[in-house]
Amino acid sequence: MADLPDMSNLFEQAQQLQSQLLGGQEAQAFEGVAGGGAVKVTVSGTGEFTGVTIRPDAVDPGDVAMLEDLVLAAVRDASAQVSAAMQQRLGGALGNLFGGSAG
């Protein structure tokens, strides 16, 4: 009979990994910026969009498409920052789960 992994230990490790990935992430905020700061979007570490700031000089009623592009660029910038932070946390958490870095 093949040796089966200790399921309770495996479940505990999965809970620790989840805690490491999310621990403190909720409180962390990321700011996406576009147009040299004309548009700023704030996103929590869990990916929830929490704020949008648009400078008055970015609003041109004759060029709404540019403002839309700036907002989209700021959202993408903030999302990329959240993803990068999550990747960094994931790499560290997986290293800890499997006993640290190999070497």
Protein backbone atom coordinates (compact mmCIF):
# COMPACT_ATOMS: atom_id res chain seq x y z
CA MET A 1 0.00 0.00 0.00
CA ALA A 2 1.39 3.38 -0.96
CA ASP A 3 2.08 5.93 1.76
CA LEU A 4 -0.58 8.62 1.75
CA PRO A 5 0.27 12.17 2.80
CA ASP A 6 -0.92 13.32 6.20
CA MET A 7 -4.08 15.17 5.14
CA SER A 8 -4.39 17.16 8.37
CA ASN A 9 -0.81 18.43 7.94
CA LEU A 10 -1.46 19.23 4.30
CA PHE A 11 -4.63 21.15 5.22
CA GLU A 12 -2.75 23.08 7.91
CA GLN A 13 -0.01 24.03 5.41
CA ALA A 14 -2.66 25.21 2.94
CA GLN A 15 -4.21 27.41 5.64
CA GLN A 16 -0.79 28.86 6.48
CA LEU A 17 -0.17 29.60 2.80
CA GLN A 18 -3.51 31.38 2.49
CA SER A 19 -2.76 33.41 5.61
CA GLN A 20 0.67 34.40 4.28
CA LEU A 21 -0.78 35.41 0.92
CA LEU A 22 -3.54 37.54 2.37
CA GLY A 23 -1.94 38.64 5.61
CA GLY A 24 -1.69 42.43 5.59
CA GLN A 25 -2.60 42.54 1.91
CA GLU A 26 -6.05 43.98 2.67
CA ALA A 27 -4.54 47.04 4.36
CA GLN A 28 -2.02 47.69 1.62
CA ALA A 29 -3.02 50.25 -1.01
CA PHE A 30 -1.69 50.71 -4.53
CA GLU A 31 -2.01 53.81 -6.66
CA GLY A 32 -2.17 53.67 -10.42
CA VAL A 33 -1.26 56.90 -12.19
CA ALA A 34 -1.71 58.11 -15.75
CA GLY A 35 -1.21 61.34 -17.65
CA GLY A 36 1.58 62.54 -15.39
CA GLY A 37 -0.70 62.36 -12.36
CA ALA A 38 -3.80 63.74 -14.07
CA VAL A 39 -5.66 60.55 -13.14
CA LYS A 40 -5.02 58.42 -10.07
CA VAL A 41 -6.77 55.20 -9.09
CA THR A 42 -6.40 53.58 -5.67
CA VAL A 43 -6.77 49.82 -5.24
CA SER A 44 -6.61 47.72 -2.08
CA GLY A 45 -4.28 44.75 -1.87
CA THR A 46 -7.24 42.47 -2.46
CA GLY A 47 -8.00 44.17 -5.78
CA GLU A 48 -10.92 46.34 -4.68
CA PHE A 49 -10.94 49.75 -6.32
CA THR A 50 -11.28 52.29 -3.54
CA GLY A 51 -10.81 55.68 -5.17
CA VAL A 52 -10.42 57.73 -8.31
CA THR A 53 -8.93 61.22 -8.49
CA ILE A 54 -9.10 63.29 -11.68
CA ARG A 55 -7.43 66.69 -11.89
CA PRO A 56 -9.73 69.35 -13.32
CA ASP A 57 -7.27 70.13 -16.13
CA ALA A 58 -7.64 66.52 -17.35
CA VAL A 59 -11.32 67.10 -18.10
CA ASP A 60 -11.86 68.35 -21.64
CA PRO A 61 -15.52 68.02 -22.70
CA GLY A 62 -14.33 68.00 -26.30
CA ASP A 63 -12.04 65.00 -25.72
CA VAL A 64 -13.84 62.55 -23.43
CA ALA A 65 -12.03 59.66 -25.13
CA MET A 66 -8.67 60.88 -23.80
CA LEU A 67 -10.01 61.00 -20.24
CA GLU A 68 -11.41 57.50 -20.66
CA ASP A 69 -7.99 56.31 -21.86
CA LEU A 70 -6.28 57.94 -18.88
CA VAL A 71 -8.67 56.30 -16.41
CA LEU A 72 -8.16 52.92 -18.07
CA ALA A 73 -4.36 53.36 -18.00
CA ALA A 74 -4.45 54.25 -14.30
CA VAL A 75 -6.63 51.21 -13.54
CA ARG A 76 -4.23 48.95 -15.42
CA ASP A 77 -1.25 50.48 -13.61
CA ALA A 78 -2.82 49.88 -10.20
CA SER A 79 -3.86 46.34 -11.14
CA ALA A 80 -0.33 45.54 -12.30
CA GLN A 81 1.03 46.73 -8.96
CA VAL A 82 -1.42 44.48 -7.06
CA SER A 83 -0.47 41.52 -9.27
CA ALA A 84 3.25 42.12 -8.76
CA ALA A 85 2.81 42.31 -4.98
CA MET A 86 0.76 39.11 -5.00
CA GLN A 87 3.40 37.33 -7.12
CA GLN A 88 6.07 38.41 -4.66
CA ARG A 89 4.01 37.17 -1.72
CA LEU A 90 3.21 33.92 -3.51
CA GLY A 91 6.88 33.25 -4.24
CA GLY A 92 7.83 33.82 -0.62
CA ALA A 93 4.93 31.80 0.74
CA LEU A 94 5.63 28.84 -1.54
CA GLY A 95 9.29 28.93 -0.55
CA ASN A 96 8.29 28.81 3.11
CA LEU A 97 5.76 26.04 2.48
CA PHE A 98 8.38 23.82 0.89
CA GLY A 99 11.09 24.49 3.44
CA GLY A 100 12.74 27.66 2.16
CA SER A 101 14.84 28.24 -0.91
CA ALA A 102 16.73 25.41 -2.49
CA GLY A 103 20.40 25.73 -2.55
